[in-house]
All heavy atoms as atom14 arrays in JSON, in Angstrom:
{
  "sequence": "LVQAGGSLRLSCVASGRTFSSYAMGWFRQAPGKEREFV",
  "atom14_mask": [
    [1, 1, 1, 1, 1, 1, 1, 1, 0, 0, 0, 0, 0, 0],
    [1, 1, 1, 1, 1, 1, 1, 0, 0, 0, 0, 0, 0, 0],
    [1, 1, 1, 1, 1, 1, 1, 1, 1, 0, 0, 0, 0, 0],
    [1, 1, 1, 1, 1, 0, 0, 0, 0, 0, 0, 0, 0, 0],
    [1, 1, 1, 1, 0, 0, 0, 0, 0, 0, 0, 0, 0, 0],
    [1, 1, 1, 1, 0, 0, 0, 0, 0, 0, 0, 0, 0, 0],
    [1, 1, 1, 1, 1, 1, 0, 0, 0, 0, 0, 0, 0, 0],
    [1, 1, 1, 1, 1, 1, 1, 1, 0, 0, 0, 0, 0, 0],
    [1, 1, 1, 1, 1, 1, 1, 1, 1, 1, 1, 0, 0, 0],
    [1, 1, 1, 1, 1, 1, 1, 1, 0, 0, 0, 0, 0, 0],
    [1, 1, 1, 1, 1, 1, 0, 0, 0, 0, 0, 0, 0, 0],
    [1, 1, 1, 1, 1, 1, 0, 0, 0, 0, 0, 0, 0, 0],
    [1, 1, 1, 1, 1, 1, 1, 0, 0, 0, 0, 0, 0, 0],
    [1, 1, 1, 1, 1, 0, 0, 0, 0, 0, 0, 0, 0, 0],
    [1, 1, 1, 1, 1, 1, 0, 0, 0, 0, 0, 0, 0, 0],
    [1, 1, 1, 1, 0, 0, 0, 0, 0, 0, 0, 0, 0, 0],
    [1, 1, 1, 1, 1, 1, 1, 1, 1, 1, 1, 0, 0, 0],
    [1, 1, 1, 1, 1, 1, 1, 0, 0, 0, 0, 0, 0, 0],
    [1, 1, 1, 1, 1, 1, 1, 1, 1, 1, 1, 0, 0, 0],
    [1, 1, 1, 1, 1, 1, 0, 0, 0, 0, 0, 0, 0, 0],
    [1, 1, 1, 1, 1, 1, 0, 0, 0, 0, 0, 0, 0, 0],
    [1, 1, 1, 1, 1, 1, 1, 1, 1, 1, 1, 1, 0, 0],
    [1, 1, 1, 1, 1, 0, 0, 0, 0, 0, 0, 0, 0, 0],
    [1, 1, 1, 1, 1, 1, 1, 1, 0, 0, 0, 0, 0, 0],
    [1, 1, 1, 1, 0, 0, 0, 0, 0, 0, 0, 0, 0, 0],
    [1, 1, 1, 1, 1, 1, 1, 1, 1, 1, 1, 1, 1, 1],
    [1, 1, 1, 1, 1, 1, 1, 1, 1, 1, 1, 0, 0, 0],
    [1, 1, 1, 1, 1, 1, 1, 1, 1, 1, 1, 0, 0, 0],
    [1, 1, 1, 1, 1, 1, 1, 1, 1, 0, 0, 0, 0, 0],
    [1, 1, 1, 1, 1, 0, 0, 0, 0, 0, 0, 0, 0, 0],
    [1, 1, 1, 1, 1, 1, 1, 0, 0, 0, 0, 0, 0, 0],
    [1, 1, 1, 1, 0, 0, 0, 0, 0, 0, 0, 0, 0, 0],
    [1, 1, 1, 1, 1, 1, 1, 1, 1, 0, 0, 0, 0, 0],
    [1, 1, 1, 1, 1, 1, 1, 1, 1, 0, 0, 0, 0, 0],
    [1, 1, 1, 1, 1, 1, 1, 1, 1, 1, 1, 0, 0, 0],
    [1, 1, 1, 1, 1, 1, 1, 1, 1, 0, 0, 0, 0, 0],
    [1, 1, 1, 1, 1, 1, 1, 1, 1, 1, 1, 0, 0, 0],
    [1, 1, 1, 1, 1, 1, 1, 0, 0, 0, 0, 0, 0, 0]
  ],
  "atom14_positions": [
    [[-20.33, -5.03, -2.63], [-19.92, -5.33, -1.3], [-18.96, -4.32, -0.79], [-17.95, -3.88, -1.45], [-19.39, -6.71, -1.19], [-18.73, -7.12, 0.2], [-19.85, -7.28, 1.23], [-17.89, -8.44, -0.05], [0.0, 0.0, 0.0], [0.0, 0.0, 0.0], [0.0, 0.0, 0.0], [0.0, 0.0, 0.0], [0.0, 0.0, 0.0], [0.0, 0.0, 0.0]],
    [[-19.25, -3.77, 0.4], [-18.38, -2.69, 0.9], [-18.36, -2.95, 2.35], [-19.26, -3.36, 3.04], [-18.92, -1.26, 0.56], [-20.33, -1.01, 1.21], [-17.99, -0.23, 1.05], [0.0, 0.0, 0.0], [0.0, 0.0, 0.0], [0.0, 0.0, 0.0], [0.0, 0.0, 0.0], [0.0, 0.0, 0.0], [0.0, 0.0, 0.0], [0.0, 0.0, 0.0]],
    [[-17.06, -2.54, 3.08], [-16.91, -2.57, 4.54], [-17.68, -1.54, 5.16], [-17.79, -0.34, 4.6], [-15.5, -2.63, 4.84], [-14.75, -3.87, 4.26], [-13.27, -3.88, 4.83], [-12.99, -3.34, 5.77], [-12.56, -4.7, 4.07], [0.0, 0.0, 0.0], [0.0, 0.0, 0.0], [0.0, 0.0, 0.0], [0.0, 0.0, 0.0], [0.0, 0.0, 0.0]],
    [[-18.16, -1.74, 6.39], [-18.71, -0.76, 7.22], [-17.74, 0.56, 7.3], [-16.65, 0.34, 7.44], [-18.9, -1.23, 8.63], [0.0, 0.0, 0.0], [0.0, 0.0, 0.0], [0.0, 0.0, 0.0], [0.0, 0.0, 0.0], [0.0, 0.0, 0.0], [0.0, 0.0, 0.0], [0.0, 0.0, 0.0], [0.0, 0.0, 0.0], [0.0, 0.0, 0.0]],
    [[-18.46, 1.55, 7.21], [-17.74, 2.85, 7.19], [-17.26, 3.22, 5.86], [-16.88, 4.5, 5.62], [0.0, 0.0, 0.0], [0.0, 0.0, 0.0], [0.0, 0.0, 0.0], [0.0, 0.0, 0.0], [0.0, 0.0, 0.0], [0.0, 0.0, 0.0], [0.0, 0.0, 0.0], [0.0, 0.0, 0.0], [0.0, 0.0, 0.0], [0.0, 0.0, 0.0]],
    [[-17.55, 2.42, 4.79], [-17.13, 2.8, 3.47], [-18.19, 3.53, 2.66], [-19.25, 3.88, 3.32], [0.0, 0.0, 0.0], [0.0, 0.0, 0.0], [0.0, 0.0, 0.0], [0.0, 0.0, 0.0], [0.0, 0.0, 0.0], [0.0, 0.0, 0.0], [0.0, 0.0, 0.0], [0.0, 0.0, 0.0], [0.0, 0.0, 0.0], [0.0, 0.0, 0.0]],
    [[-17.91, 3.85, 1.46], [-18.73, 4.58, 0.6], [-19.16, 3.78, -0.73], [-18.31, 3.07, -1.09], [-18.24, 5.85, 0.28], [-18.02, 6.68, 1.41], [0.0, 0.0, 0.0], [0.0, 0.0, 0.0], [0.0, 0.0, 0.0], [0.0, 0.0, 0.0], [0.0, 0.0, 0.0], [0.0, 0.0, 0.0], [0.0, 0.0, 0.0], [0.0, 0.0, 0.0]],
    [[-20.35, 4.07, -1.25], [-20.78, 3.49, -2.39], [-21.68, 4.52, -3.24], [-22.35, 5.2, -2.53], [-21.71, 2.2, -2.16], [-21.55, 1.04, -3.23], [-20.14, 0.55, -3.58], [-22.42, -0.08, -2.73], [0.0, 0.0, 0.0], [0.0, 0.0, 0.0], [0.0, 0.0, 0.0], [0.0, 0.0, 0.0], [0.0, 0.0, 0.0], [0.0, 0.0, 0.0]],
    [[-21.58, 4.51, -4.51], [-22.36, 5.44, -5.26], [-23.15, 4.59, -6.27], [-22.56, 3.89, -7.12], [-21.48, 6.34, -6.04], [-22.25, 7.46, -6.89], [-21.09, 8.46, -7.45], [-21.59, 9.53, -8.36], [-21.73, 9.32, -9.7], [-20.99, 8.31, -10.26], [-22.11, 10.33, -10.35], [0.0, 0.0, 0.0], [0.0, 0.0, 0.0], [0.0, 0.0, 0.0]],
    [[-24.46, 4.67, -6.15], [-25.42, 4.05, -7.04], [-25.89, 5.05, -8.09], [-26.1, 6.33, -7.9], [-26.68, 3.5, -6.32], [-26.4, 2.65, -5.07], [-27.67, 2.22, -4.54], [-25.52, 1.52, -5.55], [0.0, 0.0, 0.0], [0.0, 0.0, 0.0], [0.0, 0.0, 0.0], [0.0, 0.0, 0.0], [0.0, 0.0, 0.0], [0.0, 0.0, 0.0]],
    [[-26.07, 4.6, -9.3], [-26.6, 5.4, -10.41], [-27.8, 4.64, -11.05], [-27.96, 3.46, -10.88], [-25.6, 5.4, -11.57], [-24.36, 6.07, -11.09], [0.0, 0.0, 0.0], [0.0, 0.0, 0.0], [0.0, 0.0, 0.0], [0.0, 0.0, 0.0], [0.0, 0.0, 0.0], [0.0, 0.0, 0.0], [0.0, 0.0, 0.0], [0.0, 0.0, 0.0]],
    [[-28.67, 5.54, -11.41], [-29.98, 5.05, -12.09], [-30.17, 5.86, -13.36], [-30.36, 7.01, -13.29], [-31.11, 5.2, -11.19], [-32.66, 4.77, -11.86], [0.0, 0.0, 0.0], [0.0, 0.0, 0.0], [0.0, 0.0, 0.0], [0.0, 0.0, 0.0], [0.0, 0.0, 0.0], [0.0, 0.0, 0.0], [0.0, 0.0, 0.0], [0.0, 0.0, 0.0]],
    [[-30.08, 5.24, -14.54], [-30.3, 5.86, -15.82], [-31.71, 5.52, -16.34], [-32.17, 4.46, -16.43], [-29.26, 5.42, -16.75], [-29.44, 6.18, -18.17], [-27.83, 5.78, -16.25], [0.0, 0.0, 0.0], [0.0, 0.0, 0.0], [0.0, 0.0, 0.0], [0.0, 0.0, 0.0], [0.0, 0.0, 0.0], [0.0, 0.0, 0.0], [0.0, 0.0, 0.0]],
    [[-32.41, 6.62, -16.71], [-33.81, 6.48, -17.17], [-33.78, 6.66, -18.62], [-33.1, 7.48, -19.26], [-34.7, 7.52, -16.54], [0.0, 0.0, 0.0], [0.0, 0.0, 0.0], [0.0, 0.0, 0.0], [0.0, 0.0, 0.0], [0.0, 0.0, 0.0], [0.0, 0.0, 0.0], [0.0, 0.0, 0.0], [0.0, 0.0, 0.0], [0.0, 0.0, 0.0]],
    [[-34.71, 5.91, -19.35], [-35.12, 6.11, -20.68], [-36.1, 7.35, -20.95], [-36.6, 7.83, -20.03], [-35.69, 4.85, -21.25], [-37.0, 4.65, -20.76], [0.0, 0.0, 0.0], [0.0, 0.0, 0.0], [0.0, 0.0, 0.0], [0.0, 0.0, 0.0], [0.0, 0.0, 0.0], [0.0, 0.0, 0.0], [0.0, 0.0, 0.0], [0.0, 0.0, 0.0]],
    [[-36.17, 7.7, -22.11], [-37.02, 8.65, -22.5], [-36.42, 10.09, -22.59], [-35.32, 10.28, -22.25], [0.0, 0.0, 0.0], [0.0, 0.0, 0.0], [0.0, 0.0, 0.0], [0.0, 0.0, 0.0], [0.0, 0.0, 0.0], [0.0, 0.0, 0.0], [0.0, 0.0, 0.0], [0.0, 0.0, 0.0], [0.0, 0.0, 0.0], [0.0, 0.0, 0.0]],
    [[-37.27, 10.99, -22.93], [-36.79, 12.43, -23.24], [-37.48, 13.4, -22.26], [-37.27, 14.54, -22.43], [-37.25, 12.84, -24.64], [-36.61, 11.82, -25.78], [-37.05, 12.33, -27.19], [-36.37, 13.56, -27.4], [-35.08, 13.59, -28.05], [-34.49, 12.51, -28.32], [-34.63, 14.77, -28.31], [0.0, 0.0, 0.0], [0.0, 0.0, 0.0], [0.0, 0.0, 0.0]],
    [[-38.11, 12.85, -21.23], [-38.84, 13.64, -20.17], [-38.36, 13.38, -18.83], [-39.1, 13.62, -17.9], [-40.42, 13.45, -20.32], [-40.65, 12.08, -20.15], [-40.86, 13.9, -21.56], [0.0, 0.0, 0.0], [0.0, 0.0, 0.0], [0.0, 0.0, 0.0], [0.0, 0.0, 0.0], [0.0, 0.0, 0.0], [0.0, 0.0, 0.0], [0.0, 0.0, 0.0]],
    [[-37.04, 13.07, -18.75], [-36.56, 12.7, -17.37], [-36.74, 13.76, -16.44], [-36.93, 13.68, -15.24], [-35.16, 12.24, -17.52], [-34.52, 11.96, -16.18], [-34.76, 10.81, -15.41], [-33.52, 12.83, -15.67], [-34.04, 10.56, -14.28], [-32.84, 12.61, -14.5], [-33.16, 11.4, -13.71], [0.0, 0.0, 0.0], [0.0, 0.0, 0.0], [0.0, 0.0, 0.0]],
    [[-36.5, 15.07, -17.02], [-36.5, 16.25, -16.06], [-37.9, 16.48, -15.48], [-38.06, 17.34, -14.55], [-36.05, 17.49, -16.87], [-36.83, 17.69, -17.91], [0.0, 0.0, 0.0], [0.0, 0.0, 0.0], [0.0, 0.0, 0.0], [0.0, 0.0, 0.0], [0.0, 0.0, 0.0], [0.0, 0.0, 0.0], [0.0, 0.0, 0.0], [0.0, 0.0, 0.0]],
    [[-38.95, 15.88, -15.9], [-40.25, 16.01, -15.36], [-40.54, 14.96, -14.35], [-41.59, 15.1, -13.8], [-41.3, 15.88, -16.53], [-41.48, 14.54, -16.93], [0.0, 0.0, 0.0], [0.0, 0.0, 0.0], [0.0, 0.0, 0.0], [0.0, 0.0, 0.0], [0.0, 0.0, 0.0], [0.0, 0.0, 0.0], [0.0, 0.0, 0.0], [0.0, 0.0, 0.0]],
    [[-39.66, 14.04, -14.16], [-39.89, 13.05, -12.95], [-39.32, 13.48, -11.6], [-38.06, 13.77, -11.71], [-39.33, 11.66, -13.32], [-39.48, 11.16, -14.64], [-38.57, 10.33, -15.37], [-40.62, 11.57, -15.45], [-38.81, 9.89, -16.68], [-40.94, 11.08, -16.73], [-40.04, 10.17, -17.26], [-40.18, 9.77, -18.68], [0.0, 0.0, 0.0], [0.0, 0.0, 0.0]],
    [[-39.99, 13.28, -10.67], [-39.35, 13.16, -9.29], [-38.74, 11.81, -9.25], [-39.4, 10.8, -9.69], [-40.43, 13.4, -8.24], [0.0, 0.0, 0.0], [0.0, 0.0, 0.0], [0.0, 0.0, 0.0], [0.0, 0.0, 0.0], [0.0, 0.0, 0.0], [0.0, 0.0, 0.0], [0.0, 0.0, 0.0], [0.0, 0.0, 0.0], [0.0, 0.0, 0.0]],
    [[-37.65, 11.71, -8.59], [-36.99, 10.4, -8.46], [-36.84, 10.02, -7.04], [-36.24, 10.76, -6.26], [-35.69, 10.45, -9.23], [-35.79, 10.6, -10.72], [-36.61, 9.26, -11.6], [-35.45, 7.92, -11.2], [0.0, 0.0, 0.0], [0.0, 0.0, 0.0], [0.0, 0.0, 0.0], [0.0, 0.0, 0.0], [0.0, 0.0, 0.0], [0.0, 0.0, 0.0]],
    [[-37.21, 8.79, -6.78], [-36.91, 8.2, -5.38], [-36.1, 7.14, -5.34], [-35.87, 6.5, -6.26], [0.0, 0.0, 0.0], [0.0, 0.0, 0.0], [0.0, 0.0, 0.0], [0.0, 0.0, 0.0], [0.0, 0.0, 0.0], [0.0, 0.0, 0.0], [0.0, 0.0, 0.0], [0.0, 0.0, 0.0], [0.0, 0.0, 0.0], [0.0, 0.0, 0.0]],
    [[-35.52, 6.92, -4.05], [-34.76, 5.79, -3.83], [-35.38, 5.0, -2.65], [-35.89, 5.46, -1.74], [-33.34, 6.09, -3.45], [-32.44, 6.4, -4.56], [-32.08, 7.68, -5.11], [-31.73, 5.57, -5.45], [-31.32, 7.76, -6.19], [-31.04, 6.33, -6.39], [-31.56, 4.23, -5.5], [-30.16, 5.77, -7.41], [-30.78, 3.63, -6.58], [-30.01, 4.44, -7.41]],
    [[-35.4, 3.72, -2.79], [-35.96, 2.81, -1.84], [-35.06, 1.63, -1.57], [-34.09, 1.39, -2.36], [-37.29, 2.3, -2.25], [-38.49, 3.13, -2.28], [-38.58, 4.22, -3.32], [-39.41, 3.35, -1.12], [-39.62, 5.13, -3.3], [-40.44, 4.19, -1.24], [-40.51, 5.02, -2.35], [0.0, 0.0, 0.0], [0.0, 0.0, 0.0], [0.0, 0.0, 0.0]],
    [[-35.27, 0.99, -0.42], [-34.35, -0.1, -0.16], [-35.34, -1.21, 0.51], [-36.21, -0.94, 1.17], [-33.27, 0.08, 0.6], [-33.47, 0.53, 2.03], [-32.22, 0.96, 2.78], [-32.48, 1.46, 4.13], [-31.4, 1.95, 4.91], [-30.2, 2.12, 4.46], [-31.74, 2.23, 6.21], [0.0, 0.0, 0.0], [0.0, 0.0, 0.0], [0.0, 0.0, 0.0]],
    [[-34.87, -2.46, 0.31], [-35.7, -3.57, 0.96], [-34.66, -4.71, 1.4], [-34.05, -5.16, 0.58], [-36.7, -4.21, -0.03], [-37.65, -5.28, 0.58], [-38.8, -5.52, -0.29], [-38.78, -5.36, -1.48], [-39.85, -5.92, 0.31], [0.0, 0.0, 0.0], [0.0, 0.0, 0.0], [0.0, 0.0, 0.0], [0.0, 0.0, 0.0], [0.0, 0.0, 0.0]],
    [[-34.71, -5.04, 2.7], [-33.95, -6.02, 3.22], [-34.79, -7.27, 3.29], [-35.95, -7.19, 3.32], [-33.4, -5.57, 4.5], [0.0, 0.0, 0.0], [0.0, 0.0, 0.0], [0.0, 0.0, 0.0], [0.0, 0.0, 0.0], [0.0, 0.0, 0.0], [0.0, 0.0, 0.0], [0.0, 0.0, 0.0], [0.0, 0.0, 0.0], [0.0, 0.0, 0.0]],
    [[-34.15, -8.52, 3.32], [-34.99, -9.8, 3.35], [-35.94, -9.82, 4.65], [-35.4, -9.36, 5.69], [-33.95, -10.82, 3.51], [-32.71, -10.18, 2.87], [-32.73, -8.77, 3.22], [0.0, 0.0, 0.0], [0.0, 0.0, 0.0], [0.0, 0.0, 0.0], [0.0, 0.0, 0.0], [0.0, 0.0, 0.0], [0.0, 0.0, 0.0], [0.0, 0.0, 0.0]],
    [[-37.2, -10.07, 4.36], [-38.08, -10.11, 5.3], [-38.71, -8.81, 5.78], [-39.52, -8.81, 6.82], [0.0, 0.0, 0.0], [0.0, 0.0, 0.0], [0.0, 0.0, 0.0], [0.0, 0.0, 0.0], [0.0, 0.0, 0.0], [0.0, 0.0, 0.0], [0.0, 0.0, 0.0], [0.0, 0.0, 0.0], [0.0, 0.0, 0.0], [0.0, 0.0, 0.0]],
    [[-38.31, -7.68, 5.27], [-38.8, -6.36, 5.62], [-39.56, -5.84, 4.48], [-39.27, -6.14, 3.37], [-37.59, -5.51, 6.08], [-36.9, -6.09, 7.22], [-35.69, -5.06, 7.66], [-36.3, -3.86, 8.28], [-35.2, -2.96, 8.81], [0.0, 0.0, 0.0], [0.0, 0.0, 0.0], [0.0, 0.0, 0.0], [0.0, 0.0, 0.0], [0.0, 0.0, 0.0]],
    [[-40.28, -4.8, 4.81], [-41.01, -3.94, 3.84], [-40.07, -3.03, 3.06], [-38.96, -2.76, 3.52], [-42.11, -3.11, 4.43], [-43.24, -3.95, 5.14], [-44.28, -3.11, 5.76], [-44.09, -1.82, 5.81], [-45.41, -3.57, 6.01], [0.0, 0.0, 0.0], [0.0, 0.0, 0.0], [0.0, 0.0, 0.0], [0.0, 0.0, 0.0], [0.0, 0.0, 0.0]],
    [[-40.4, -2.7, 1.82], [-39.69, -1.8, 1.03], [-39.82, -0.51, 1.77], [-40.81, 0.07, 2.1], [-40.22, -1.64, -0.39], [-39.23, -0.96, -1.33], [-39.62, -1.18, -2.74], [-39.42, -2.6, -3.11], [-39.54, -3.06, -4.28], [-39.84, -2.18, -5.33], [-39.36, -4.24, -4.47], [0.0, 0.0, 0.0], [0.0, 0.0, 0.0], [0.0, 0.0, 0.0]],
    [[-38.57, 0.21, 1.96], [-38.44, 1.35, 2.91], [-37.95, 2.6, 2.04], [-37.07, 2.48, 1.15], [-37.33, 0.99, 3.98], [-36.86, 2.27, 4.75], [-35.77, 1.86, 5.68], [-35.03, 0.98, 5.36], [-35.72, 2.59, 6.74], [0.0, 0.0, 0.0], [0.0, 0.0, 0.0], [0.0, 0.0, 0.0], [0.0, 0.0, 0.0], [0.0, 0.0, 0.0]],
    [[-38.51, 3.7, 2.24], [-38.33, 4.9, 1.63], [-36.8, 5.36, 2.06], [-36.58, 5.41, 3.21], [-39.35, 5.92, 1.9], [-38.98, 7.29, 1.33], [-39.14, 7.76, 0.17], [-38.47, 8.35, 2.24], [-38.81, 9.01, -0.32], [-38.21, 9.64, 1.94], [-38.39, 9.85, 0.54], [0.0, 0.0, 0.0], [0.0, 0.0, 0.0], [0.0, 0.0, 0.0]],
    [[-36.0, 5.79, 1.14], [-34.7, 6.32, 1.4], [-34.59, 7.84, 1.19], [-34.13, 8.63, 2.1], [-33.61, 5.55, 0.46], [-32.27, 6.27, 0.82], [-33.55, 4.11, 0.94], [0.0, 0.0, 0.0], [0.0, 0.0, 0.0], [0.0, 0.0, 0.0], [0.0, 0.0, 0.0], [0.0, 0.0, 0.0], [0.0, 0.0, 0.0], [0.0, 0.0, 0.0]]
  ]
}
C-alpha cells in the first residue's frame, strides 16, 4: 500500500540458469479488467 505520488519497487526473481535468455514483461490486472501490458 502506498499513497498517491509515492514510489514502489517490485522485484521478480526467476529460477534456472538461463535467465539472461528471457525477455521479461510486467503486466497488471485490476478487478473486472483485462490483464494489461505494462
